[in-house]
Structures are given as structure tokens and as C-alpha cells.
């Protein structure tokens, strides 16, 4: 299983590669666009990983704590 530190390192490597490509080519070059999509997918994977971990931690809490967290989440989404 991939851990969050490994995922962060992959994101940083992809970001570095994107910056290098951007310096060589213009922003609409296919290689730059492809690397941007690679970086986006890595970030999406990391966010899904963090979300699942947070949900797992939430499930292990008491029902009252879950209700409180759900209410806080609703309040944040309307801010």
C-alpha cells in the first residue's frame, strides 16, 4: 500500500517535471498539457486517499461525534 509521504513525493516530482517542461515549451505544448494531467491525477489520488482515511477515522468515533462532524462539514460548505 502506498502511504501519504510516498504520494506527496510523487506529486512533488511531477510538479518539478511540469515546471521544467513549462520552461522548455509553451503552456499549450502537448507534453506540458500531458504532465499537467498527470499531476492533476496524482493530486486527485492523494485527496481521495486523505478523504478515505478521514472517513475511516470518523466511522470509529461515537455517533455523537459523527453528528457533530457532519454539522461542522455542512456549515463549512455553506460558508
PDB file of N, CA and C in Angstrom:
ATOM      1  N   UNK A   1       0.840  -1.191   0.000  1.00  0.00           N
ATOM      2  CA  UNK A   1       0.000   0.000   0.000  1.00  0.00           C
ATOM      3  C   UNK A   1       0.879   1.246   0.000  1.00  0.00           C
ATOM      4  N   UNK A   2       0.488   2.222  -0.759  1.00  0.00           N
ATOM      5  CA  UNK A   2       1.232   3.470  -0.859  1.00  0.00           C
ATOM      6  C   UNK A   2       0.828   4.375   0.300  1.00  0.00           C
ATOM      7  N   UNK A   3       1.814   4.956   0.970  1.00  0.00           N
ATOM      8  CA  UNK A   3       1.488   5.852   2.075  1.00  0.00           C
ATOM      9  C   UNK A   3       1.484   7.306   1.604  1.00  0.00           C
ATOM     10  N   UNK A   4       1.039   8.188   2.470  1.00  0.00           N
ATOM     11  CA  UNK A   4       0.869   9.588   2.084  1.00  0.00           C
ATOM     12  C   UNK A   4       2.198  10.261   1.762  1.00  0.00           C
ATOM     13  N   UNK A   5       3.277   9.889   2.449  1.00  0.00           N
ATOM     14  CA  UNK A   5       4.577  10.508   2.162  1.00  0.00           C
ATOM     15  C   UNK A   5       5.065  10.138   0.770  1.00  0.00           C
ATOM     16  N   UNK A   6       4.862   8.903   0.379  1.00  0.00           N
ATOM     17  CA  UNK A   6       5.235   8.461  -0.963  1.00  0.00           C
ATOM     18  C   UNK A   6       4.401   9.199  -2.014  1.00  0.00           C
ATOM     19  N   UNK A   7       3.120   9.370  -1.723  1.00  0.00           N
ATOM     20  CA  UNK A   7       2.242  10.091  -2.644  1.00  0.00           C
ATOM     21  C   UNK A   7       2.677  11.550  -2.770  1.00  0.00           C
ATOM     22  N   UNK A   8       3.022  12.167  -1.644  1.00  0.00           N
ATOM     23  CA  UNK A   8       3.483  13.559  -1.679  1.00  0.00           C
ATOM     24  C   UNK A   8       4.757  13.688  -2.497  1.00  0.00           C
ATOM     25  N   UNK A   9       5.655  12.730  -2.345  1.00  0.00           N
ATOM     26  CA  UNK A   9       6.902  12.757  -3.096  1.00  0.00           C
ATOM     27  C   UNK A   9       6.626  12.632  -4.598  1.00  0.00           C
ATOM     28  N   UNK A  10       5.707  11.767  -4.972  1.00  0.00           N
ATOM     29  CA  UNK A  10       5.334  11.618  -6.382  1.00  0.00           C
ATOM     30  C   UNK A  10       4.745  12.909  -6.929  1.00  0.00           C
ATOM     31  N   UNK A  11       3.936  13.575  -6.122  1.00  0.00           N
ATOM     32  CA  UNK A  11       3.346  14.851  -6.534  1.00  0.00           C
ATOM     33  C   UNK A  11       4.437  15.890  -6.754  1.00  0.00           C
ATOM     34  N   UNK A  12       5.379  15.962  -5.834  1.00  0.00           N
ATOM     35  CA  UNK A  12       6.464  16.943  -5.970  1.00  0.00           C
ATOM     36  C   UNK A  12       7.324  16.655  -7.191  1.00  0.00           C
ATOM     37  N   UNK A  13       7.596  15.388  -7.469  1.00  0.00           N
ATOM     38  CA  UNK A  13       8.369  15.034  -8.656  1.00  0.00           C
ATOM     39  C   UNK A  13       7.613  15.419  -9.928  1.00  0.00           C
ATOM     40  N   UNK A  14       6.319  15.158  -9.952  1.00  0.00           N
ATOM     41  CA  UNK A  14       5.508  15.516 -11.118  1.00  0.00           C
ATOM     42  C   UNK A  14       5.429  17.029 -11.283  1.00  0.00           C
ATOM     43  N   UNK A  15       5.342  17.750 -10.177  1.00  0.00           N
ATOM     44  CA  UNK A  15       5.302  19.213 -10.227  1.00  0.00           C
ATOM     45  C   UNK A  15       6.628  19.769 -10.761  1.00  0.00           C
ATOM     46  N   UNK A  16       7.730  19.194 -10.297  1.00  0.00           N
ATOM     47  CA  UNK A  16       9.052  19.613 -10.763  1.00  0.00           C
ATOM     48  C   UNK A  16       9.180  19.377 -12.272  1.00  0.00           C
ATOM     49  N   UNK A  17       8.753  18.198 -12.721  1.00  0.00           N
ATOM     50  CA  UNK A  17       8.818  17.881 -14.148  1.00  0.00           C
ATOM     51  C   UNK A  17       7.951  18.844 -14.958  1.00  0.00           C
ATOM     52  N   UNK A  18       6.769  19.154 -14.448  1.00  0.00           N
ATOM     53  CA  UNK A  18       5.892  20.105 -15.131  1.00  0.00           C
ATOM     54  C   UNK A  18       6.562  21.469 -15.256  1.00  0.00           C
ATOM     55  N   UNK A  19       7.180  21.936 -14.190  1.00  0.00           N
ATOM     56  CA  UNK A  19       7.862  23.232 -14.238  1.00  0.00           C
ATOM     57  C   UNK A  19       8.999  23.229 -15.245  1.00  0.00           C
ATOM     58  N   UNK A  20       9.756  22.140 -15.306  1.00  0.00           N
ATOM     59  CA  UNK A  20      10.854  22.037 -16.272  1.00  0.00           C
ATOM     60  C   UNK A  20      10.322  22.039 -17.703  1.00  0.00           C
ATOM     61  N   UNK A  21       9.262  21.297 -17.941  1.00  0.00           N
ATOM     62  CA  UNK A  21       8.672  21.270 -19.281  1.00  0.00           C
ATOM     63  C   UNK A  21       8.134  22.639 -19.672  1.00  0.00           C
ATOM     64  N   UNK A  22       7.529  23.318 -18.712  1.00  0.00           N
ATOM     65  CA  UNK A  22       6.975  24.648 -18.982  1.00  0.00           C
ATOM     66  C   UNK A  22       8.081  25.630 -19.354  1.00  0.00           C
ATOM     67  N   UNK A  23       9.259  25.465 -18.774  1.00  0.00           N
ATOM     68  CA  UNK A  23      10.386  26.337 -19.116  1.00  0.00           C
ATOM     69  C   UNK A  23      10.893  26.065 -20.531  1.00  0.00           C
ATOM     70  N   UNK A  24      10.766  24.825 -20.988  1.00  0.00           N
ATOM     71  CA  UNK A  24      11.248  24.449 -22.315  1.00  0.00           C
ATOM     72  C   UNK A  24      10.242  24.754 -23.418  1.00  0.00           C
ATOM     73  N   UNK A  25       8.982  24.557 -23.121  1.00  0.00           N
ATOM     74  CA  UNK A  25       7.926  24.671 -24.129  1.00  0.00           C
ATOM     75  C   UNK A  25       6.883  25.675 -23.651  1.00  0.00           C
ATOM     76  N   UNK A  26       5.971  26.031 -24.534  1.00  0.00           N
ATOM     77  CA  UNK A  26       4.902  26.920 -24.065  1.00  0.00           C
ATOM     78  C   UNK A  26       3.827  26.095 -23.355  1.00  0.00           C
ATOM     79  N   UNK A  27       2.920  26.796 -22.696  1.00  0.00           N
ATOM     80  CA  UNK A  27       1.931  26.126 -21.847  1.00  0.00           C
ATOM     81  C   UNK A  27       0.969  25.216 -22.606  1.00  0.00           C
ATOM     82  N   UNK A  28       0.799  25.451 -23.893  1.00  0.00           N
ATOM     83  CA  UNK A  28      -0.142  24.639 -24.660  1.00  0.00           C
ATOM     84  C   UNK A  28       0.529  23.482 -25.393  1.00  0.00           C
ATOM     85  N   UNK A  29       1.804  23.280 -25.154  1.00  0.00           N
ATOM     86  CA  UNK A  29       2.509  22.163 -25.782  1.00  0.00           C
ATOM     87  C   UNK A  29       1.935  20.852 -25.239  1.00  0.00           C
ATOM     88  N   UNK A  30       1.763  19.857 -26.102  1.00  0.00           N
ATOM     89  CA  UNK A  30       1.172  18.588 -25.654  1.00  0.00           C
ATOM     90  C   UNK A  30       1.898  17.926 -24.478  1.00  0.00           C
ATOM     91  N   UNK A  31       3.214  18.037 -24.420  1.00  0.00           N
ATOM     92  CA  UNK A  31       3.950  17.427 -23.304  1.00  0.00           C
ATOM     93  C   UNK A  31       3.640  18.136 -21.989  1.00  0.00           C
ATOM     94  N   UNK A  32       3.493  19.458 -22.053  1.00  0.00           N
ATOM     95  CA  UNK A  32       3.159  20.228 -20.852  1.00  0.00           C
ATOM     96  C   UNK A  32       1.739  19.887 -20.401  1.00  0.00           C
ATOM     97  N   UNK A  33       0.823  19.841 -21.340  1.00  0.00           N
ATOM     98  CA  UNK A  33      -0.563  19.501 -21.004  1.00  0.00           C
ATOM     99  C   UNK A  33      -0.667  18.092 -20.422  1.00  0.00           C
ATOM    100  N   UNK A  34       0.059  17.162 -21.013  1.00  0.00           N
ATOM    101  CA  UNK A  34       0.034  15.787 -20.500  1.00  0.00           C
ATOM    102  C   UNK A  34       0.572  15.729 -19.073  1.00  0.00           C
ATOM    103  N   UNK A  35       1.699  16.397 -18.830  1.00  0.00           N
ATOM    104  CA  UNK A  35       2.271  16.368 -17.485  1.00  0.00           C
ATOM    105  C   UNK A  35       1.345  17.052 -16.482  1.00  0.00           C
ATOM    106  N   UNK A  36       0.650  18.078 -16.926  1.00  0.00           N
ATOM    107  CA  UNK A  36      -0.319  18.737 -16.056  1.00  0.00           C
ATOM    108  C   UNK A  36      -1.440  17.769 -15.666  1.00  0.00           C
ATOM    109  N   UNK A  37      -1.878  16.963 -16.623  1.00  0.00           N
ATOM    110  CA  UNK A  37      -2.920  15.975 -16.325  1.00  0.00           C
ATOM    111  C   UNK A  37      -2.396  14.888 -15.393  1.00  0.00           C
ATOM    112  N   UNK A  38      -1.137  14.491 -15.572  1.00  0.00           N
ATOM    113  CA  UNK A  38      -0.522  13.510 -14.668  1.00  0.00           C
ATOM    114  C   UNK A  38      -0.508  14.065 -13.247  1.00  0.00           C
ATOM    115  N   UNK A  39      -0.073  15.312 -13.112  1.00  0.00           N
ATOM    116  CA  UNK A  39      -0.038  15.951 -11.796  1.00  0.00           C
ATOM    117  C   UNK A  39      -1.440  16.043 -11.196  1.00  0.00           C
ATOM    118  N   UNK A  40      -2.409  16.445 -11.995  1.00  0.00           N
ATOM    119  CA  UNK A  40      -3.796  16.521 -11.508  1.00  0.00           C
ATOM    120  C   UNK A  40      -4.272  15.173 -10.974  1.00  0.00           C
ATOM    121  N   UNK A  41      -3.970  14.111 -11.692  1.00  0.00           N
ATOM    122  CA  UNK A  41      -4.415  12.782 -11.268  1.00  0.00           C
ATOM    123  C   UNK A  41      -3.740  12.358  -9.964  1.00  0.00           C
ATOM    124  N   UNK A  42      -2.463  12.669  -9.821  1.00  0.00           N
ATOM    125  CA  UNK A  42      -1.767  12.354  -8.569  1.00  0.00           C
ATOM    126  C   UNK A  42      -2.382  13.119  -7.396  1.00  0.00           C
ATOM    127  N   UNK A  43      -2.701  14.384  -7.623  1.00  0.00           N
ATOM    128  CA  UNK A  43      -3.323  15.191  -6.568  1.00  0.00           C
ATOM    129  C   UNK A  43      -4.705  14.643  -6.231  1.00  0.00           C
ATOM    130  N   UNK A  44      -5.468  14.264  -7.255  1.00  0.00           N
ATOM    131  CA  UNK A  44      -6.788  13.670  -7.010  1.00  0.00           C
ATOM    132  C   UNK A  44      -6.670  12.369  -6.216  1.00  0.00           C
ATOM    133  N   UNK A  45      -5.697  11.534  -6.573  1.00  0.00           N
ATOM    134  CA  UNK A  45      -5.475  10.285  -5.832  1.00  0.00           C
ATOM    135  C   UNK A  45      -5.146  10.576  -4.374  1.00  0.00           C
ATOM    136  N   UNK A  46      -4.295  11.558  -4.140  1.00  0.00           N
ATOM    137  CA  UNK A  46      -3.904  11.922  -2.779  1.00  0.00           C
ATOM    138  C   UNK A  46      -5.116  12.426  -1.990  1.00  0.00           C
ATOM    139  N   UNK A  47      -5.921  13.265  -2.616  1.00  0.00           N
ATOM    140  CA  UNK A  47      -7.116  13.779  -1.938  1.00  0.00           C
ATOM    141  C   UNK A  47      -8.101  12.657  -1.608  1.00  0.00           C
ATOM    142  N   UNK A  48      -8.281  11.706  -2.529  1.00  0.00           N
ATOM    143  CA  UNK A  48      -9.153  10.556  -2.251  1.00  0.00           C
ATOM    144  C   UNK A  48      -8.602   9.728  -1.088  1.00  0.00           C
ATOM    145  N   UNK A  49      -7.291   9.527  -1.081  1.00  0.00           N
ATOM    146  CA  UNK A  49      -6.640   8.776  -0.003  1.00  0.00           C
ATOM    147  C   UNK A  49      -6.893   9.457   1.344  1.00  0.00           C
ATOM    148  N   UNK A  50      -6.683  10.766   1.397  1.00  0.00           N
ATOM    149  CA  UNK A  50      -6.890  11.510   2.650  1.00  0.00           C
ATOM    150  C   UNK A  50      -8.353  11.479   3.075  1.00  0.00           C
ATOM    151  N   UNK A  51      -9.252  11.592   2.114  1.00  0.00           N
ATOM    152  CA  UNK A  51     -10.681  11.558   2.418  1.00  0.00           C
ATOM    153  C   UNK A  51     -11.074  10.207   3.013  1.00  0.00           C
ATOM    154  N   UNK A  52     -10.588   9.139   2.395  1.00  0.00           N
ATOM    155  CA  UNK A  52     -10.917   7.797   2.905  1.00  0.00           C
ATOM    156  C   UNK A  52     -10.375   7.590   4.309  1.00  0.00           C
ATOM    157  N   UNK A  53      -9.167   8.081   4.565  1.00  0.00           N
ATOM    158  CA  UNK A  53      -8.596   7.954   5.911  1.00  0.00           C
ATOM    159  C   UNK A  53      -9.428   8.740   6.914  1.00  0.00           C
ATOM    160  N   UNK A  54      -9.844   9.942   6.526  1.00  0.00           N
ATOM    161  CA  UNK A  54     -10.655  10.765   7.426  1.00  0.00           C
ATOM    162  C   UNK A  54     -12.002  10.101   7.689  1.00  0.00           C
ATOM    163  N   UNK A  55     -12.589   9.527   6.661  1.00  0.00           N
ATOM    164  CA  UNK A  55     -13.876   8.852   6.842  1.00  0.00           C
ATOM    165  C   UNK A  55     -13.719   7.622   7.725  1.00  0.00           C
ATOM    166  N   UNK A  56     -12.617   6.906   7.577  1.00  0.00           N
ATOM    167  CA  UNK A  56     -12.365   5.748   8.431  1.00  0.00           C
ATOM    168  C   UNK A  56     -12.237   6.155   9.885  1.00  0.00           C
ATOM    169  N   UNK A  57     -11.545   7.266  10.127  1.00  0.00           N
ATOM    170  CA  UNK A  57     -11.400   7.768  11.495  1.00  0.00           C
ATOM    171  C   UNK A  57     -12.748   8.221  12.034  1.00  0.00           C
ATOM    172  N   UNK A  58     -13.547   8.832  11.179  1.00  0.00           N
ATOM    173  CA  UNK A  58     -14.861   9.303  11.593  1.00  0.00           C
ATOM    174  C   UNK A  58     -15.766   8.132  11.971  1.00  0.00           C
ATOM    175  N   UNK A  59     -15.693   7.059  11.202  1.00  0.00           N
ATOM    176  CA  UNK A  59     -16.534   5.888  11.489  1.00  0.00           C
ATOM    177  C   UNK A  59     -16.204   5.265  12.838  1.00  0.00           C
ATOM    178  N   UNK A  60     -14.958   5.425  13.259  1.00  0.00           N
ATOM    179  CA  UNK A  60     -14.560   4.822  14.536  1.00  0.00           C
ATOM    180  C   UNK A  60     -14.961   5.682  15.729  1.00  0.00           C
ATOM    181  N   UNK A  61     -15.452   6.896  15.468  1.00  0.00           N
ATOM    182  CA  UNK A  61     -15.898   7.772  16.554  1.00  0.00           C
ATOM    183  C   UNK A  61     -17.313   7.410  16.984  1.00  0.00           C
ATOM    184  N   UNK A  62     -17.721   7.985  18.085  1.00  0.00           N
ATOM    185  CA  UNK A  62     -19.073   7.756  18.591  1.00  0.00           C
ATOM    186  C   UNK A  62     -20.100   8.415  17.672  1.00  0.00           C
ATOM    187  N   UNK A  63     -21.354   7.968  17.729  1.00  0.00           N
ATOM    188  CA  UNK A  63     -22.401   8.592  16.914  1.00  0.00           C
ATOM    189  C   UNK A  63     -22.545  10.092  17.176  1.00  0.00           C
ATOM    190  N   UNK A  64     -22.375  10.522  18.410  1.00  0.00           N
ATOM    191  CA  UNK A  64     -22.480  11.952  18.716  1.00  0.00           C
ATOM    192  C   UNK A  64     -21.358  12.732  18.047  1.00  0.00           C
ATOM    193  N   UNK A  65     -20.160  12.181  18.056  1.00  0.00           N
ATOM    194  CA  UNK A  65     -19.028  12.849  17.406  1.00  0.00           C
ATOM    195  C   UNK A  65     -19.240  12.898  15.901  1.00  0.00           C
ATOM    196  N   UNK A  66     -19.808  11.839  15.342  1.00  0.00           N
ATOM    197  CA  UNK A  66     -20.092  11.820  13.911  1.00  0.00           C
ATOM    198  C   UNK A  66     -21.108  12.900  13.544  1.00  0.00           C
ATOM    199  N   UNK A  67     -22.147  13.037  14.337  1.00  0.00           N
ATOM    200  CA  UNK A  67     -23.171  14.049  14.076  1.00  0.00           C
ATOM    201  C   UNK A  67     -22.573  15.446  14.165  1.00  0.00           C
ATOM    202  N   UNK A  68     -21.713  15.671  15.144  1.00  0.00           N
ATOM    203  CA  UNK A  68     -21.059  16.962  15.299  1.00  0.00           C
ATOM    204  C   UNK A  68     -20.179  17.268  14.091  1.00  0.00           C
ATOM    205  N   UNK A  69     -19.425  16.272  13.642  1.00  0.00           N
ATOM    206  CA  UNK A  69     -18.559  16.472  12.487  1.00  0.00           C
ATOM    207  C   UNK A  69     -19.392  16.749  11.230  1.00  0.00           C
ATOM    208  N   UNK A  70     -20.487  16.034  11.064  1.00  0.00           N
ATOM    209  CA  UNK A  70     -21.355  16.247   9.906  1.00  0.00           C
ATOM    210  C   UNK A  70     -21.916  17.665   9.913  1.00  0.00           C
ATOM    211  N   UNK A  71     -22.310  18.152  11.068  1.00  0.00           N
ATOM    212  CA  UNK A  71     -22.836  19.515  11.176  1.00  0.00           C
ATOM    213  C   UNK A  71     -21.758  20.536  10.844  1.00  0.00           C
ATOM    214  N   UNK A  72     -20.552  20.332  11.326  1.00  0.00           N
ATOM    215  CA  UNK A  72     -19.447  21.244  11.017  1.00  0.00           C
ATOM    216  C   UNK A  72     -19.151  21.249   9.526  1.00  0.00           C
ATOM    217  N   UNK A  73     -19.200  20.090   8.903  1.00  0.00           N
ATOM    218  CA  UNK A  73     -18.954  19.986   7.468  1.00  0.00           C
ATOM    219  C   UNK A  73     -20.022  20.740   6.690  1.00  0.00           C
ATOM    220  N   UNK A  74     -21.285  20.601   7.097  1.00  0.00           N
ATOM    221  CA  UNK A  74     -22.368  21.335   6.429  1.00  0.00           C
ATOM    222  C   UNK A  74     -22.168  22.837   6.571  1.00  0.00           C
ATOM    223  N   UNK A  75     -21.775  23.285   7.747  1.00  0.00           N
ATOM    224  CA  UNK A  75     -21.569  24.715   7.972  1.00  0.00           C
ATOM    225  C   UNK A  75     -20.439  25.241   7.102  1.00  0.00           C
ATOM    226  N   UNK A  76     -19.375  24.469   6.951  1.00  0.00           N
ATOM    227  CA  UNK A  76     -18.253  24.893   6.120  1.00  0.00           C
ATOM    228  C   UNK A  76     -18.647  24.981   4.658  1.00  0.00           C
ATOM    229  N   UNK A  77     -19.494  24.056   4.213  1.00  0.00           N
ATOM    230  CA  UNK A  77     -19.867  24.050   2.805  1.00  0.00           C
ATOM    231  C   UNK A  77     -20.767  25.229   2.446  1.00  0.00           C
ATOM    232  N   UNK A  78     -21.421  25.822   3.422  1.00  0.00           N
ATOM    233  CA  UNK A  78     -22.282  26.969   3.152  1.00  0.00           C
ATOM    234  C   UNK A  78     -21.586  28.294   3.413  1.00  0.00           C
ATOM    235  N   UNK A  79     -20.357  28.255   3.892  1.00  0.00           N
ATOM    236  CA  UNK A  79     -19.616  29.494   4.188  1.00  0.00           C
ATOM    237  C   UNK A  79     -19.160  30.171   2.930  1.00  0.00           C
TER     238      UNK A  79
END
